[in-house]
Amino acid sequence: MAPVTLAIIGAGGRGSGYARYATEHADRAHVVAVAEPRDAYRDRLVAQHNIAPEHTFTDWRDAAAAPKLADAVLICTQDTMHVEPAVAFAKAGYHILLEKPMAPDDAGCRQIVTAVREAGVQFAVAHVSRYTPYTQRLKALLEDGAIGDIVCLQRLEPVGYWHQAHSFVRGNWRNEAHSSPMLLAKSCHDLDWIRHIMGVPCQAVSSFGSLKHFRLEEAPEGAADRCLDCTVEADCPYSAKRFYLDKLANDQLGWPLDVLTPEPTEPNVMAALRDGDYGRCVYKSDNDVVDNQVVSMEFEGQRSASFTMTAFTEAAGRRTEIFGTRGHIRGDGRHLQIFDFLSNETEQIDTEATDHSILGGHGGGDFGLMDNFVRAVSTGDSSHILSGPEETLETHLMVFAAERARHERRVVDVEI
């Protein structure tokens, strides 16, 4: 069977990362086109995949208007730039892998789902957590009745103090108007994962959250507008100078340094800290997304779940506890501990992903997503896609309901 051909729409971290699948599995996929407005990121992908000039674009609209370039597109633009290209490429007959979230509002999500249904194309959303060996093993255990019936679930997302500062205070997802709420941008993964594990629809939600710390009122005395100019920077745990220069000194030249500059050298990083968004004081940015949030969910069948997202942790894997009628499971994204009420014994399982390349990211979920999507496209079998249009729409509607609950301080029904 011929390799699936791919067009990359948005050649930033996610687009270029997914494109690596074709580098490592050339028998299954080829990257044959790219649309990216930034010269350095576009040129890098062109060189890596030997993309022809006539298949190289600065604007996705030109790619969509051209005669069909590939079997499928990977849409990895910013959150607010998903609907228009997804609809256009669906109408043009492309199979679509769309970076999460689908869209920043329910109307946009429904528009995308309608377009892909009408076009009859394969469609996946990049909820990579569903595709990890850890999740697949956990899901199998639950379906086999390892802990009886699920009664309730608790999940913690420890975003990490520096990740919050990088992505959600200084970075692309710092402002709801420019991207989306924190719960959608960062944690739609988690509500989607919880729905996947619970196995039944969510009926109602409540939520509380705030921007507690990363605001002007919390700035220490003497704080400057930029870390390079700040006299109290050495005492600040969120110092951009210390964080990024330490990464550079340790030759950690990929993410997040490559977000500051496509060529992470000391002069380029210093220039970015001097003039760019990533050198700003975390207390004096234009961020408005929450830095902590809790969500309570009621699921069909008298099941419940709670989710906590917080910036104020060491960056680490999500932690989950699932409570059943016959046992209790603890998980950290790799290890599972299954306590059985009948035997009073605990089983330990290590689900470590064996892929340590860039596609091994998210616990092997990046590879799992790409591999399943490519298989769906090559075979026409949508069962390979674990994050298709209907259930993905449902889990996005959970997020939107939770945001209404947070703003209105009430319980909100999830209406599909």
Protein backbone atom coordinates (compact mmCIF):
# COMPACT_ATOMS: atom_id res chain seq x y z
CA MET A 1 0.00 0.00 0.00
CA ALA A 2 1.36 3.42 -0.96
CA PRO A 3 2.36 5.78 1.87
CA VAL A 4 -0.24 8.34 2.94
CA THR A 5 0.68 11.84 1.76
CA LEU A 6 0.42 14.68 4.27
CA ALA A 7 0.20 18.48 4.08
CA ILE A 8 1.27 20.38 7.19
CA ILE A 9 -0.76 23.51 7.94
CA GLY A 10 1.24 25.36 10.58
CA ALA A 11 4.87 24.29 10.98
CA GLY A 12 5.40 25.22 14.62
CA GLY A 13 6.13 22.79 17.42
CA ARG A 14 3.11 20.54 16.95
CA GLY A 15 3.10 20.54 13.15
CA SER A 16 6.81 19.82 12.82
CA GLY A 17 6.61 17.26 15.63
CA TYR A 18 3.84 15.27 13.97
CA ALA A 19 5.66 15.55 10.65
CA ARG A 20 8.52 13.57 12.16
CA TYR A 21 6.29 10.49 11.85
CA ALA A 22 6.94 10.57 8.11
CA THR A 23 10.69 10.83 8.69
CA GLU A 24 10.75 7.79 10.95
CA HIS A 25 8.13 5.78 9.05
CA ALA A 26 8.65 6.66 5.39
CA ASP A 27 6.94 3.43 4.35
CA ARG A 28 3.70 4.72 5.88
CA ALA A 29 3.63 8.48 5.26
CA HIS A 30 5.26 11.29 3.27
CA VAL A 31 5.06 15.02 3.95
CA VAL A 32 4.53 16.62 0.54
CA ALA A 33 3.24 20.14 1.28
CA VAL A 34 3.42 22.88 3.91
CA ALA A 35 1.71 26.19 4.62
CA GLU A 36 3.42 28.41 7.21
CA PRO A 37 3.77 32.23 7.26
CA ARG A 38 7.07 32.30 9.19
CA ASP A 39 10.02 31.84 6.86
CA ALA A 40 12.35 30.03 9.26
CA TYR A 41 9.80 27.43 10.37
CA ARG A 42 8.53 26.87 6.84
CA ASP A 43 12.01 26.59 5.35
CA ARG A 44 13.08 24.11 8.02
CA LEU A 45 10.19 21.78 7.23
CA VAL A 46 10.76 22.14 3.48
CA ALA A 47 14.39 21.10 3.92
CA GLN A 48 13.58 18.21 6.26
CA HIS A 49 11.02 16.70 3.87
CA ASN A 50 12.31 17.88 0.50
CA ILE A 51 9.03 19.63 -0.29
CA ALA A 52 8.68 21.00 -3.81
CA PRO A 53 8.45 24.80 -4.25
CA GLU A 54 5.02 24.51 -5.86
CA HIS A 55 3.78 22.75 -2.71
CA THR A 56 5.16 25.40 -0.36
CA PHE A 57 2.84 28.19 0.82
CA THR A 58 2.86 31.12 3.21
CA ASP A 59 -0.95 31.08 3.57
CA TRP A 60 -3.12 27.99 4.09
CA ARG A 61 -5.78 29.52 1.82
CA ASP A 62 -3.47 29.19 -1.15
CA ALA A 63 -2.87 25.55 -0.28
CA ALA A 64 -6.62 24.88 0.02
CA ALA A 65 -7.29 26.59 -3.31
CA ALA A 66 -4.65 24.59 -5.19
CA PRO A 67 -5.41 21.26 -6.87
CA LYS A 68 -5.48 18.57 -4.18
CA LEU A 69 -1.95 18.25 -2.78
CA ALA A 70 -2.16 15.29 -0.41
CA ASP A 71 -4.37 12.61 1.08
CA ALA A 72 -4.61 14.38 4.43
CA VAL A 73 -3.82 17.62 6.21
CA LEU A 74 -2.50 18.19 9.71
CA ILE A 75 -3.98 21.50 10.88
CA CYS A 76 -1.70 22.86 13.60
CA THR A 77 -2.52 26.57 13.54
CA GLN A 78 -3.39 28.61 16.63
CA ASP A 79 -6.62 27.81 18.49
CA THR A 80 -8.66 30.63 16.96
CA MET A 81 -7.50 29.67 13.46
CA HIS A 82 -8.96 26.15 13.23
CA VAL A 83 -12.50 26.51 11.92
CA GLU A 84 -11.90 28.13 8.55
CA PRO A 85 -9.11 25.80 7.37
CA ALA A 86 -10.84 22.69 8.75
CA VAL A 87 -14.02 23.49 6.85
CA ALA A 88 -12.14 24.42 3.68
CA PHE A 89 -9.97 21.29 3.60
CA ALA A 90 -12.93 19.04 4.43
CA LYS A 91 -14.84 20.46 1.47
CA ALA A 92 -11.76 19.87 -0.69
CA GLY A 93 -11.83 16.18 0.27
CA TYR A 94 -8.83 16.02 2.60
CA HIS A 95 -8.76 13.72 5.60
CA ILE A 96 -8.00 15.87 8.64
CA LEU A 97 -6.00 15.64 11.84
CA LEU A 98 -6.80 18.78 13.82
CA GLU A 99 -4.72 19.99 16.74
CA LYS A 100 -6.76 20.45 19.92
CA PRO A 101 -8.86 22.30 20.80
CA MET A 102 -11.24 22.07 17.84
CA ALA A 103 -12.36 25.68 18.23
CA PRO A 104 -12.75 28.22 21.04
CA ASP A 105 -16.57 28.05 21.08
CA ASP A 106 -19.32 25.52 20.55
CA ALA A 107 -20.52 27.11 17.31
CA GLY A 108 -17.09 26.66 15.73
CA CYS A 109 -16.87 23.05 16.94
CA ARG A 110 -20.29 22.24 15.51
CA GLN A 111 -19.35 23.88 12.21
CA ILE A 112 -16.28 21.67 11.90
CA VAL A 113 -18.20 18.50 12.79
CA THR A 114 -20.90 19.30 10.23
CA ALA A 115 -18.27 19.91 7.53
CA VAL A 116 -16.41 16.64 8.08
CA ARG A 117 -19.64 14.65 8.30
CA GLU A 118 -20.90 16.09 5.03
CA ALA A 119 -17.54 15.53 3.33
CA GLY A 120 -17.28 11.94 4.59
CA VAL A 121 -13.58 12.30 5.40
CA GLN A 122 -11.56 10.72 8.18
CA PHE A 123 -11.28 13.20 11.06
CA ALA A 124 -9.26 13.07 14.27
CA VAL A 125 -8.57 15.63 16.98
CA ALA A 126 -5.15 15.48 18.64
CA HIS A 127 -6.27 14.24 22.04
CA VAL A 128 -3.02 12.34 22.35
CA SER A 129 -3.76 11.10 25.88
CA ARG A 130 -6.22 8.57 24.49
CA TYR A 131 -3.49 6.92 22.42
CA THR A 132 -0.86 6.21 25.09
CA PRO A 133 0.04 2.67 26.16
CA TYR A 134 -0.84 3.78 29.69
CA THR A 135 -4.39 4.81 28.78
CA GLN A 136 -4.98 1.75 26.62
CA ARG A 137 -3.85 -0.58 29.41
CA LEU A 138 -5.96 1.27 31.97
CA LYS A 139 -9.02 1.25 29.72
CA ALA A 140 -8.64 -2.51 29.15
CA LEU A 141 -8.37 -3.16 32.90
CA LEU A 142 -11.53 -1.18 33.59
CA GLU A 143 -13.45 -2.90 30.81
CA ASP A 144 -12.35 -6.27 32.19
CA GLY A 145 -13.83 -5.32 35.58
CA ALA A 146 -10.56 -4.99 37.48
CA ILE A 147 -12.20 -2.71 40.07
CA GLY A 148 -15.86 -3.50 39.41
CA ASP A 149 -18.08 -0.58 38.46
CA ILE A 150 -16.50 2.89 38.46
CA VAL A 151 -18.03 5.05 41.18
CA CYS A 152 -15.86 8.16 41.06
CA LEU A 153 -12.58 9.51 39.71
CA GLN A 154 -10.10 12.21 40.72
CA ARG A 155 -7.55 13.71 38.31
CA LEU A 156 -4.79 16.27 38.92
CA GLU A 157 -3.01 18.16 36.18
CA PRO A 158 0.18 19.63 37.69
CA VAL A 159 0.96 22.13 34.92
CA GLY A 160 4.16 23.24 36.59
CA TYR A 161 5.26 26.72 37.63
CA TRP A 162 7.63 27.23 34.67
CA HIS A 163 5.27 25.74 32.06
CA GLN A 164 2.52 28.08 33.22
CA ALA A 165 4.88 31.03 32.94
CA HIS A 166 6.14 29.95 29.52
CA SER A 167 2.90 29.01 27.75
CA PHE A 168 0.08 30.65 29.67
CA VAL A 169 1.55 33.88 31.05
CA ARG A 170 4.12 34.89 28.44
CA GLY A 171 3.19 32.54 25.62
CA ASN A 172 0.65 31.95 22.89
CA TRP A 173 -2.13 30.78 25.22
CA ARG A 174 -1.94 33.58 27.75
CA ASN A 175 -5.03 35.53 26.70
CA GLU A 176 -8.53 34.19 26.09
CA ALA A 177 -9.30 36.65 23.29
CA HIS A 178 -6.16 35.61 21.40
CA SER A 179 -6.46 31.86 22.04
CA SER A 180 -8.99 30.28 24.41
CA PRO A 181 -9.67 29.75 28.12
CA MET A 182 -7.05 27.77 30.04
CA LEU A 183 -9.43 24.85 30.55
CA LEU A 184 -9.82 24.53 26.79
CA ALA A 185 -6.25 25.28 25.72
CA LYS A 186 -4.52 23.07 28.28
CA SER A 187 -7.07 20.84 29.90
CA CYS A 188 -9.52 19.82 27.18
CA HIS A 189 -7.12 16.83 27.05
CA ASP A 190 -8.13 15.98 30.59
CA LEU A 191 -11.89 16.33 30.33
CA ASP A 192 -11.72 14.33 27.10
CA TRP A 193 -9.62 11.67 28.86
CA ILE A 194 -11.97 11.52 31.83
CA ARG A 195 -14.95 11.01 29.48
CA HIS A 196 -13.02 8.26 27.67
CA ILE A 197 -12.24 6.47 30.93
CA MET A 198 -15.72 6.87 32.42
CA GLY A 199 -17.25 5.44 29.25
CA VAL A 200 -20.57 7.28 29.59
CA PRO A 201 -21.71 10.87 28.88
CA CYS A 202 -21.25 13.73 31.32
CA GLN A 203 -24.56 15.25 32.40
CA ALA A 204 -23.68 18.30 34.51
CA VAL A 205 -20.67 20.29 35.75
CA SER A 206 -19.65 22.94 38.25
CA SER A 207 -16.35 24.79 38.40
CA PHE A 208 -14.28 27.32 40.33
CA GLY A 209 -11.03 28.95 39.29
CA SER A 210 -9.13 32.22 39.17
CA LEU A 211 -6.06 34.10 38.09
CA LYS A 212 -4.64 34.10 41.59
CA HIS A 213 -0.98 34.94 41.21
CA PHE A 214 0.21 36.11 37.78
CA ARG A 215 -1.13 39.67 37.96
CA LEU A 216 0.19 43.12 38.73
CA GLU A 217 -0.98 43.14 42.34
CA GLU A 218 1.30 40.19 43.11
CA ALA A 219 4.47 41.75 41.67
CA PRO A 220 7.32 42.02 44.20
CA GLU A 221 8.56 45.49 45.06
CA GLY A 222 11.12 46.65 42.51
CA ALA A 223 9.99 44.33 39.73
CA ALA A 224 10.79 45.67 36.26
CA ASP A 225 8.78 45.15 33.08
CA ARG A 226 11.39 42.72 31.71
CA CYS A 227 13.51 40.12 33.48
CA LEU A 228 16.77 41.39 31.94
CA ASP A 229 16.20 44.78 33.58
CA CYS A 230 14.95 43.53 36.94
CA THR A 231 16.86 44.05 40.21
CA VAL A 232 14.84 41.34 42.01
CA GLU A 233 15.02 38.75 39.19
CA ALA A 234 17.44 36.52 41.11
CA ASP A 235 14.82 35.95 43.81
CA CYS A 236 11.97 35.26 41.39
CA PRO A 237 11.10 31.61 40.65
CA TYR A 238 9.59 32.70 37.34
CA SER A 239 12.72 34.43 36.00
CA ALA A 240 12.82 34.10 32.21
CA LYS A 241 16.54 34.87 32.22
CA ARG A 242 17.39 31.97 34.52
CA PHE A 243 14.97 29.49 32.97
CA TYR A 244 15.83 29.94 29.30
CA LEU A 245 19.55 30.51 29.73
CA ASP A 246 19.80 27.39 31.90
CA LYS A 247 18.13 25.42 29.11
CA LEU A 248 20.63 26.85 26.65
CA ALA A 249 23.59 26.07 28.91
CA ASN A 250 22.44 22.47 29.19
CA ASP A 251 22.05 22.12 25.39
CA GLN A 252 18.30 21.61 25.71
CA LEU A 253 17.69 23.30 22.37
CA GLY A 254 14.24 21.95 21.50
CA TRP A 255 10.99 22.97 23.16
CA PRO A 256 10.55 25.43 24.82
CA LEU A 257 13.65 27.29 23.55
CA ASP A 258 12.67 26.83 19.92
CA VAL A 259 9.48 28.75 20.63
CA LEU A 260 11.56 31.85 21.39
CA THR A 261 13.68 31.49 18.26
CA PRO A 262 14.04 28.83 15.56
CA GLU A 263 17.83 28.97 16.10
CA PRO A 264 18.47 28.79 19.88
CA THR A 265 21.88 30.43 20.16
CA GLU A 266 22.85 32.71 23.03
CA PRO A 267 22.58 35.92 20.95
CA ASN A 268 19.18 34.86 19.59
CA VAL A 269 17.83 33.88 22.98
CA MET A 270 19.09 37.11 24.56
CA ALA A 271 17.46 39.11 21.74
CA ALA A 272 14.18 37.29 22.36
CA LEU A 273 14.38 38.01 26.08
CA ARG A 274 15.19 41.65 25.37
CA ASP A 275 12.50 42.33 22.80
CA GLY A 276 9.99 39.46 22.73
CA ASP A 277 7.06 38.26 24.80
CA TYR A 278 9.10 35.62 26.61
CA GLY A 279 11.28 38.12 28.41
CA ARG A 280 8.40 39.93 30.09
CA CYS A 281 7.72 40.00 33.81
CA VAL A 282 5.05 37.42 34.65
CA TYR A 283 3.28 40.02 36.75
CA LYS A 284 3.17 42.62 33.98
CA SER A 285 2.00 40.68 30.95
CA ASP A 286 -1.36 40.85 29.17
CA ASN A 287 -2.38 37.38 30.36
CA ASP A 288 -5.87 36.75 31.69
CA VAL A 289 -6.28 32.95 31.77
CA VAL A 290 -6.69 31.24 35.14
CA ASP A 291 -3.72 29.72 36.96
CA ASN A 292 -5.86 27.30 38.99
CA GLN A 293 -9.23 25.64 38.40
CA VAL A 294 -11.33 22.77 39.70
CA VAL A 295 -14.17 21.05 37.85
CA SER A 296 -16.76 18.66 39.30
CA MET A 297 -18.64 16.41 36.88
CA GLU A 298 -21.72 14.21 37.15
CA PHE A 299 -21.80 11.31 34.70
CA GLU A 300 -24.57 9.05 33.57
CA GLY A 301 -25.15 6.12 35.94
CA GLN A 302 -24.52 8.02 39.21
CA ARG A 303 -20.80 8.34 38.58
CA SER A 304 -18.82 11.45 39.46
CA ALA A 305 -15.40 12.92 38.69
CA SER A 306 -13.30 15.84 39.82
CA PHE A 307 -10.46 17.56 38.04
CA THR A 308 -7.88 20.02 39.36
CA MET A 309 -5.56 22.10 37.18
CA THR A 310 -2.90 24.13 38.95
CA ALA A 311 0.23 26.04 37.96
CA PHE A 312 1.72 25.79 41.41
CA THR A 313 3.55 22.49 41.18
CA GLU A 314 6.66 20.93 39.82
CA ALA A 315 5.88 20.05 36.19
CA ALA A 316 4.89 16.39 36.22
CA GLY A 317 2.55 13.84 34.71
CA ARG A 318 -1.14 13.82 35.45
CA ARG A 319 -2.14 11.85 38.52
CA THR A 320 -5.39 9.93 38.70
CA GLU A 321 -7.29 7.86 41.25
CA ILE A 322 -10.26 5.74 40.21
CA PHE A 323 -12.56 4.26 42.83
CA GLY A 324 -14.64 1.19 41.99
CA THR A 325 -16.99 -1.19 43.73
CA ARG A 326 -14.32 -3.92 43.90
CA GLY A 327 -11.05 -2.00 43.90
CA HIS A 328 -9.06 1.19 43.57
CA ILE A 329 -6.57 2.27 40.89
CA ARG A 330 -3.82 4.88 41.20
CA GLY A 331 -2.00 6.10 38.10
CA ASP A 332 0.68 8.65 37.25
CA GLY A 333 0.77 8.43 33.45
CA ARG A 334 3.14 5.48 33.45
CA HIS A 335 2.60 3.32 36.53
CA LEU A 336 -0.66 1.73 37.62
CA GLN A 337 -1.40 0.39 41.10
CA ILE A 338 -4.49 -1.79 41.31
CA PHE A 339 -5.74 -2.58 44.81
CA ASP A 340 -8.24 -5.45 44.96
CA PHE A 341 -10.78 -5.42 47.80
CA LEU A 342 -11.27 -9.20 47.72
CA SER A 343 -7.63 -10.26 47.91
CA ASN A 344 -6.46 -7.16 49.79
CA GLU A 345 -3.45 -7.11 47.45
CA THR A 346 -1.95 -4.51 45.10
CA GLU A 347 -0.75 -5.21 41.55
CA GLN A 348 1.92 -2.94 40.06
CA ILE A 349 2.05 -2.33 36.28
CA ASP A 350 4.67 -0.31 34.36
CA THR A 351 3.38 0.92 30.98
CA GLU A 352 6.50 2.83 29.94
CA ALA A 353 6.44 3.87 26.28
CA THR A 354 9.37 2.39 24.38
CA ASP A 355 9.61 5.25 21.86
CA HIS A 356 12.03 7.88 23.17
CA SER A 357 12.06 10.01 20.00
CA ILE A 358 10.09 13.27 19.66
CA LEU A 359 7.08 11.12 18.74
CA GLY A 360 7.38 9.45 22.14
CA GLY A 361 6.10 12.71 23.66
CA HIS A 362 3.01 12.67 25.86
CA GLY A 363 3.83 9.15 27.02
CA GLY A 364 3.88 7.78 23.48
CA GLY A 365 0.60 9.48 22.61
CA ASP A 366 2.06 11.52 19.75
CA PHE A 367 3.17 8.38 17.93
CA GLY A 368 -0.08 6.57 18.76
CA LEU A 369 -2.16 9.42 17.38
CA MET A 370 -0.19 9.67 14.14
CA ASP A 371 0.00 5.93 13.62
CA ASN A 372 -3.73 5.44 14.16
CA PHE A 373 -4.64 8.40 11.96
CA VAL A 374 -2.42 7.21 9.11
CA ARG A 375 -3.91 3.71 9.41
CA ALA A 376 -7.42 5.14 9.27
CA VAL A 377 -6.60 7.12 6.13
CA SER A 378 -4.80 4.24 4.40
CA THR A 379 -7.48 1.63 5.18
CA GLY A 380 -10.63 3.76 5.30
CA ASP A 381 -11.36 2.26 8.73
CA SER A 382 -12.33 5.05 11.15
CA SER A 383 -12.24 2.66 14.13
CA HIS A 384 -8.52 3.38 14.38
CA ILE A 385 -9.41 6.96 15.41
CA LEU A 386 -10.15 7.16 19.14
CA SER A 387 -10.91 10.90 19.09
CA GLY A 388 -13.40 11.35 16.25
CA PRO A 389 -15.94 14.11 15.68
CA GLU A 390 -18.92 13.06 17.81
CA GLU A 391 -17.23 12.27 21.13
CA THR A 392 -14.73 15.11 20.68
CA LEU A 393 -17.64 17.53 20.25
CA GLU A 394 -19.17 16.11 23.41
CA THR A 395 -16.01 16.62 25.46
CA HIS A 396 -15.55 20.16 24.15
CA LEU A 397 -19.12 20.91 25.22
CA MET A 398 -18.13 19.69 28.70
CA VAL A 399 -15.38 22.33 28.73
CA PHE A 400 -17.71 25.11 27.57
CA ALA A 401 -20.27 24.11 30.21
CA ALA A 402 -17.56 24.17 32.89
CA GLU A 403 -16.50 27.67 31.83
CA ARG A 404 -20.11 28.86 32.05
CA ALA A 405 -20.33 27.27 35.48
CA ARG A 406 -17.16 29.06 36.60
CA HIS A 407 -18.28 32.46 35.36
CA GLU A 408 -21.88 32.12 36.55
CA ARG A 409 -21.10 30.22 39.78
CA ARG A 410 -23.74 27.54 39.18
CA VAL A 411 -24.22 23.95 38.07
CA VAL A 412 -24.59 23.73 34.27
CA ASP A 413 -26.12 20.86 32.33
CA VAL A 414 -24.06 19.50 29.42
CA GLU A 415 -26.33 19.70 26.39
CA ILE A 416 -25.15 17.79 23.34
